[in-house]
Amino acid sequence: MASSELMNRNSSEADQSTTKKFDIQEQAKDKKTKSWLQSRNSIYLGVVALFEAVVVIALQAVIFAQFKLHPDETQHATQGTGIPVYLMIFILSQLFQVALAWDAVRAQNTIQVIAFLLFNLCCFIYSIFQFKQLPSAVNQSILRLLITRLLIVNAVVIGVCELVYIYLGARLYQEFGWKIYRAIGADPDIRNMYRWYQILLSLLKLDIFFFLAYSIQYLVLVLQMTDYEFALTIVALPVTCLFLLLVVYAVRHESKYMIYLFFLGLAAGLAYFSFKIFRMCDVSQKQKFMAEATFIAESIKIHRSC
């Protein structure tokens, strides 16, 4: 009898501890908002992210305009066709990055700060890759020189901002780590569960962006409206995003059935993207994917890894 009461008491305490972990952000929402507004490092991170986004978007918009205003000087028969789409996705990535930075400091999520640093590093790597991608699609030497200069400024701005982010990220890691310690205590189990919860949220946010980027490329550059995959991809867009949000609700409410449903959806998604990669390797589809296979394949790999 006593052992039964002890087991019930331990089970109740475990449930309360788990619930406490997932209710931390909800209970202290107003307090955290005031807290990050009073933190200089948090404000600096948001301001620098906004500055980078404004400069990069302006530079990418000018390059986009050059491709639209000078169609005769760009190779629209090959890779030039997809470049405006890639530029638009790069612009969207900057808007997403600002939202990611704001959300990271608002929620005091150290894992998301790290994810933000890695995401900006990916943007920097792509800005370097643009030196190979864009000038080679331009026939006129003067226009090619202008685009190259804009790309240099673009890469320098992103690279310098990345260095600033690393410094601010290190400061915020210490600052947020102490605040989380005061909020959830020193219990190693609770701290470990909360860390994995933060990792899950960060991966879901990145996953949504990369899936949208992949879908935009695939719909605009590869598929035709008469293809049966066109309608399938459009339907998969909202369904996948809602499915990814479902897991957050499932974890917070500790619903095993929803988690199992989420795992089933992950298996279906893995099969879906494996099919896409198989289609790119199909000889009969070689012409369709000739110019865009590299970029779409990379988007699929990142999405599958998330």
Protein backbone atom coordinates (compact mmCIF):
# COMPACT_ATOMS: atom_id res chain seq x y z
CA MET A 1 0.00 0.00 0.00
CA ALA A 2 2.77 2.39 0.98
CA SER A 3 4.80 1.47 -2.10
CA SER A 4 1.77 2.16 -4.33
CA GLU A 5 1.32 5.61 -2.80
CA LEU A 6 5.04 6.28 -3.22
CA MET A 7 4.92 5.30 -6.91
CA ASN A 8 1.90 7.54 -7.49
CA ARG A 9 3.63 10.40 -5.74
CA ASN A 10 6.78 9.97 -7.86
CA SER A 11 4.70 9.76 -11.02
CA SER A 12 2.86 12.92 -10.06
CA GLU A 13 6.11 14.75 -9.36
CA ALA A 14 7.55 13.62 -12.72
CA ASP A 15 4.47 14.84 -14.57
CA GLN A 16 4.65 18.19 -12.78
CA SER A 17 8.34 18.51 -13.65
CA THR A 18 7.73 17.72 -17.30
CA THR A 19 4.81 20.13 -17.46
CA LYS A 20 6.97 22.79 -15.83
CA LYS A 21 9.57 22.36 -18.55
CA PHE A 22 7.16 23.00 -21.40
CA ASP A 23 5.29 25.82 -19.63
CA ILE A 24 8.39 27.92 -18.93
CA GLN A 25 8.11 30.03 -22.05
CA GLU A 26 4.33 30.52 -21.69
CA GLN A 27 4.43 31.49 -18.02
CA ALA A 28 7.27 33.99 -18.37
CA LYS A 29 6.39 35.49 -21.76
CA ASP A 30 5.90 39.07 -20.60
CA LYS A 31 8.90 38.89 -18.30
CA LYS A 32 11.14 37.60 -21.10
CA THR A 33 9.97 40.29 -23.50
CA LYS A 34 10.96 42.98 -21.02
CA SER A 35 14.18 41.11 -20.26
CA TRP A 36 15.52 40.92 -23.81
CA LEU A 37 14.58 44.53 -24.44
CA GLN A 38 16.78 45.43 -21.46
CA SER A 39 19.66 43.28 -22.76
CA ARG A 40 22.12 45.20 -24.93
CA ASN A 41 23.43 42.07 -26.61
CA SER A 42 19.92 41.02 -27.62
CA ILE A 43 19.17 44.45 -29.06
CA TYR A 44 22.51 44.54 -30.89
CA LEU A 45 21.82 41.13 -32.44
CA GLY A 46 18.42 42.23 -33.69
CA VAL A 47 19.75 45.54 -35.04
CA VAL A 48 22.68 43.93 -36.86
CA ALA A 49 20.38 41.26 -38.35
CA LEU A 50 18.04 44.00 -39.58
CA PHE A 51 20.95 46.00 -41.00
CA GLU A 52 22.29 42.96 -42.85
CA ALA A 53 18.86 42.14 -44.24
CA VAL A 54 18.32 45.69 -45.56
CA VAL A 55 21.73 45.84 -47.26
CA VAL A 56 21.61 42.32 -48.72
CA ILE A 57 18.03 42.68 -49.94
CA ALA A 58 18.93 45.97 -51.63
CA LEU A 59 21.96 44.41 -53.37
CA GLN A 60 20.06 41.32 -54.45
CA ALA A 61 17.18 43.48 -55.70
CA VAL A 62 19.58 45.49 -57.88
CA ILE A 63 21.04 42.28 -59.34
CA PHE A 64 17.52 40.94 -59.88
CA ALA A 65 16.61 44.15 -61.74
CA GLN A 66 19.67 43.81 -63.98
CA PHE A 67 18.57 40.36 -65.11
CA LYS A 68 15.07 41.64 -65.80
CA LEU A 69 16.14 44.83 -67.57
CA HIS A 70 18.79 43.16 -69.74
CA PRO A 71 17.29 39.88 -70.94
CA ASP A 72 19.39 39.91 -74.13
CA GLU A 73 22.65 39.98 -72.16
CA THR A 74 21.77 37.03 -69.92
CA GLN A 75 21.72 33.36 -70.84
CA HIS A 76 18.03 32.67 -70.39
CA ALA A 77 18.32 29.49 -72.38
CA THR A 78 20.28 27.80 -69.59
CA GLN A 79 21.06 28.71 -65.99
CA GLY A 80 19.98 32.32 -66.44
CA THR A 81 16.35 31.25 -66.25
CA GLY A 82 16.60 30.15 -62.65
CA ILE A 83 18.78 32.96 -61.31
CA PRO A 84 15.91 35.41 -60.58
CA VAL A 85 14.21 32.63 -58.60
CA TYR A 86 17.37 31.99 -56.57
CA LEU A 87 17.71 35.71 -55.91
CA MET A 88 14.14 35.86 -54.60
CA ILE A 89 14.78 32.88 -52.33
CA PHE A 90 17.93 34.60 -51.05
CA ILE A 91 15.87 37.71 -50.28
CA LEU A 92 13.31 35.57 -48.44
CA SER A 93 16.13 33.96 -46.47
CA GLN A 94 17.13 37.38 -45.14
CA LEU A 95 13.58 38.09 -43.98
CA PHE A 96 13.45 34.66 -42.36
CA GLN A 97 16.80 35.32 -40.70
CA VAL A 98 15.53 38.53 -39.09
CA ALA A 99 12.49 36.66 -37.75
CA LEU A 100 14.76 33.86 -36.51
CA ALA A 101 17.01 36.31 -34.66
CA TRP A 102 14.09 38.17 -33.06
CA ASP A 103 12.43 34.94 -31.98
CA ALA A 104 15.70 33.59 -30.55
CA VAL A 105 16.28 36.59 -28.28
CA ARG A 106 12.58 36.87 -27.38
CA ALA A 107 12.41 33.24 -26.26
CA GLN A 108 15.98 33.33 -24.88
CA ASN A 109 16.65 30.15 -26.83
CA THR A 110 20.38 29.46 -26.85
CA ILE A 111 20.00 26.62 -29.35
CA GLN A 112 18.16 28.89 -31.76
CA VAL A 113 20.92 31.49 -31.46
CA ILE A 114 23.35 28.78 -32.61
CA ALA A 115 20.95 27.83 -35.42
CA PHE A 116 20.83 31.50 -36.44
CA LEU A 117 24.64 31.61 -36.64
CA LEU A 118 24.72 28.47 -38.80
CA PHE A 119 21.94 29.77 -41.05
CA ASN A 120 23.82 33.02 -41.66
CA LEU A 121 26.95 30.98 -42.35
CA CYS A 122 24.98 29.13 -45.05
CA CYS A 123 23.97 32.49 -46.51
CA PHE A 124 27.63 33.54 -46.55
CA ILE A 125 28.63 30.32 -48.34
CA TYR A 126 25.94 30.90 -50.95
CA SER A 127 27.09 34.51 -51.40
CA ILE A 128 30.53 33.11 -52.31
CA PHE A 129 28.96 30.59 -54.66
CA GLN A 130 27.16 33.43 -56.45
CA PHE A 131 30.52 34.53 -57.90
CA LYS A 132 30.46 31.35 -59.97
CA GLN A 133 26.75 31.27 -60.64
CA LEU A 134 25.84 34.83 -61.68
CA PRO A 135 28.69 36.25 -63.79
CA SER A 136 28.78 33.11 -65.93
CA ALA A 137 25.16 33.76 -66.94
CA VAL A 138 25.95 37.28 -68.25
CA ASN A 139 27.29 37.90 -71.75
CA GLN A 140 28.02 41.64 -71.55
CA SER A 141 31.34 42.53 -69.88
CA ILE A 142 30.17 45.82 -68.36
CA LEU A 143 27.11 44.23 -66.81
CA ARG A 144 29.21 41.32 -65.58
CA LEU A 145 31.61 43.76 -63.88
CA LEU A 146 28.72 45.58 -62.17
CA ILE A 147 27.24 42.34 -60.85
CA THR A 148 30.66 41.17 -59.62
CA ARG A 149 31.14 44.38 -57.63
CA LEU A 150 27.71 44.04 -56.07
CA LEU A 151 28.49 40.45 -55.13
CA ILE A 152 31.74 41.53 -53.46
CA VAL A 153 29.90 44.03 -51.28
CA ASN A 154 27.23 41.42 -50.55
CA ALA A 155 29.75 38.79 -49.40
CA VAL A 156 31.74 41.29 -47.31
CA VAL A 157 28.62 42.52 -45.49
CA ILE A 158 27.43 38.99 -44.67
CA GLY A 159 30.93 37.89 -43.61
CA VAL A 160 31.47 40.86 -41.28
CA CYS A 161 27.99 40.42 -39.79
CA GLU A 162 28.77 36.74 -39.19
CA LEU A 163 31.80 37.71 -37.12
CA VAL A 164 29.66 40.12 -35.11
CA TYR A 165 27.04 37.39 -34.62
CA ILE A 166 29.67 34.99 -33.28
CA TYR A 167 30.74 37.52 -30.66
CA LEU A 168 27.18 38.42 -29.67
CA GLY A 169 26.15 34.76 -29.75
CA ALA A 170 28.87 33.86 -27.25
CA ARG A 171 27.69 36.62 -24.92
CA LEU A 172 24.05 35.63 -25.29
CA TYR A 173 24.86 31.97 -24.68
CA GLN A 174 26.20 32.84 -21.26
CA GLU A 175 23.43 35.32 -20.54
CA PHE A 176 20.54 33.05 -21.57
CA GLY A 177 22.17 30.02 -19.94
CA TRP A 178 22.10 31.74 -16.54
CA LYS A 179 18.49 32.87 -16.97
CA ILE A 180 17.37 29.37 -17.96
CA TYR A 181 19.22 27.95 -14.96
CA ARG A 182 17.34 30.30 -12.64
CA ALA A 183 14.03 29.44 -14.32
CA ILE A 184 14.18 25.63 -14.34
CA GLY A 185 16.70 24.92 -11.61
CA ALA A 186 19.65 22.55 -11.46
CA ASP A 187 17.77 19.28 -12.12
CA PRO A 188 19.85 17.61 -14.89
CA ASP A 189 16.86 15.66 -16.26
CA ILE A 190 14.75 18.79 -16.63
CA ARG A 191 17.64 20.72 -18.19
CA ASN A 192 18.31 17.88 -20.63
CA MET A 193 14.66 17.64 -21.67
CA TYR A 194 14.40 21.40 -22.10
CA ARG A 195 17.57 21.40 -24.24
CA TRP A 196 16.13 18.75 -26.55
CA TYR A 197 12.88 20.71 -26.70
CA GLN A 198 14.81 23.79 -27.86
CA ILE A 199 16.65 21.74 -30.49
CA LEU A 200 13.34 20.40 -31.78
CA LEU A 201 11.84 23.89 -32.12
CA SER A 202 14.91 25.22 -33.94
CA LEU A 203 14.97 22.29 -36.39
CA LEU A 204 11.28 22.70 -37.16
CA LYS A 205 11.69 26.39 -37.99
CA LEU A 206 14.64 25.70 -40.28
CA ASP A 207 12.81 22.76 -41.83
CA ILE A 208 9.84 24.92 -42.79
CA PHE A 209 12.07 27.45 -44.58
CA PHE A 210 14.09 24.88 -46.53
CA PHE A 211 10.95 23.02 -47.54
CA LEU A 212 9.37 26.24 -48.83
CA ALA A 213 12.59 27.12 -50.69
CA TYR A 214 12.71 23.68 -52.29
CA SER A 215 9.03 23.82 -53.27
CA ILE A 216 9.41 27.24 -54.88
CA GLN A 217 12.36 26.05 -56.96
CA TYR A 218 10.61 22.86 -57.98
CA LEU A 219 7.32 24.53 -58.91
CA VAL A 220 8.77 27.47 -60.85
CA LEU A 221 11.84 25.97 -62.50
CA VAL A 222 11.00 22.32 -63.14
CA LEU A 223 7.32 21.51 -63.20
CA GLN A 224 4.71 22.50 -65.72
CA MET A 225 1.06 23.05 -64.82
CA THR A 226 0.16 19.95 -66.82
CA ASP A 227 2.46 17.70 -64.72
CA TYR A 228 0.70 15.57 -62.11
CA GLU A 229 3.45 16.47 -59.63
CA PHE A 230 2.47 20.16 -59.87
CA ALA A 231 -0.79 19.68 -57.98
CA LEU A 232 0.87 17.22 -55.61
CA THR A 233 3.56 19.72 -54.67
CA ILE A 234 1.03 22.52 -54.11
CA VAL A 235 -1.03 20.29 -51.82
CA ALA A 236 2.10 19.18 -49.96
CA LEU A 237 3.04 22.78 -49.09
CA PRO A 238 0.35 23.62 -46.47
CA VAL A 239 0.00 20.01 -45.34
CA THR A 240 3.69 19.69 -44.53
CA CYS A 241 3.83 23.03 -42.69
CA LEU A 242 0.79 22.13 -40.58
CA PHE A 243 2.27 18.70 -39.92
CA LEU A 244 5.49 20.24 -38.63
CA LEU A 245 3.53 22.55 -36.32
CA LEU A 246 1.52 19.57 -35.07
CA VAL A 247 4.55 18.09 -33.34
CA VAL A 248 4.94 21.22 -31.18
CA TYR A 249 1.38 20.77 -29.91
CA ALA A 250 2.00 17.05 -29.43
CA VAL A 251 5.15 17.57 -27.37
CA ARG A 252 3.68 20.29 -25.19
CA HIS A 253 0.61 18.18 -24.44
CA GLU A 254 2.60 14.92 -24.25
CA SER A 255 0.39 13.15 -26.79
CA LYS A 256 1.96 9.82 -27.75
CA TYR A 257 -0.52 9.22 -30.57
CA MET A 258 0.32 12.55 -32.22
CA ILE A 259 4.03 11.80 -31.88
CA TYR A 260 3.49 8.43 -33.58
CA LEU A 261 1.55 10.23 -36.30
CA PHE A 262 4.43 12.66 -36.68
CA PHE A 263 6.90 9.77 -37.06
CA LEU A 264 4.64 8.28 -39.71
CA GLY A 265 4.65 11.62 -41.53
CA LEU A 266 8.45 11.75 -41.35
CA ALA A 267 8.62 8.34 -42.99
CA ALA A 268 6.24 9.52 -45.72
CA GLY A 269 8.31 12.67 -46.21
CA LEU A 270 11.50 10.63 -46.51
CA ALA A 271 9.87 8.49 -49.19
CA TYR A 272 8.60 11.61 -50.98
CA PHE A 273 12.01 13.29 -51.17
CA SER A 274 13.73 10.02 -52.05
CA PHE A 275 11.35 9.81 -55.00
CA LYS A 276 12.30 13.36 -56.01
CA ILE A 277 16.00 12.51 -55.98
CA PHE A 278 15.28 9.36 -58.02
CA ARG A 279 13.46 11.49 -60.58
CA MET A 280 16.48 13.79 -60.90
CA CYS A 281 18.71 10.80 -61.57
CA ASP A 282 16.31 9.39 -64.16
CA VAL A 283 17.75 9.65 -67.68
CA SER A 284 14.33 10.51 -69.13
CA GLN A 285 14.12 13.53 -66.80
CA LYS A 286 17.67 14.78 -67.47
CA GLN A 287 16.63 17.68 -69.70
CA LYS A 288 14.07 18.94 -67.19
CA PHE A 289 16.56 19.06 -64.30
CA MET A 290 19.66 20.04 -66.28
CA ALA A 291 20.14 23.56 -64.90
CA GLU A 292 18.52 23.26 -61.48
CA ALA A 293 19.35 19.75 -60.28
CA THR A 294 22.31 20.84 -58.13
CA PHE A 295 20.41 23.47 -56.15
CA ILE A 296 17.24 21.44 -55.72
CA ALA A 297 19.21 18.37 -54.65
CA GLU A 298 20.99 20.40 -51.97
CA SER A 299 17.65 21.70 -50.67
CA ILE A 300 16.33 18.14 -50.46
CA LYS A 301 19.45 16.94 -48.59
CA ILE A 302 19.16 19.74 -46.03
CA HIS A 303 15.43 19.12 -45.60
CA ARG A 304 15.96 15.38 -45.08
CA SER A 305 18.74 16.00 -42.55
CA CYS A 306 16.44 18.29 -40.54
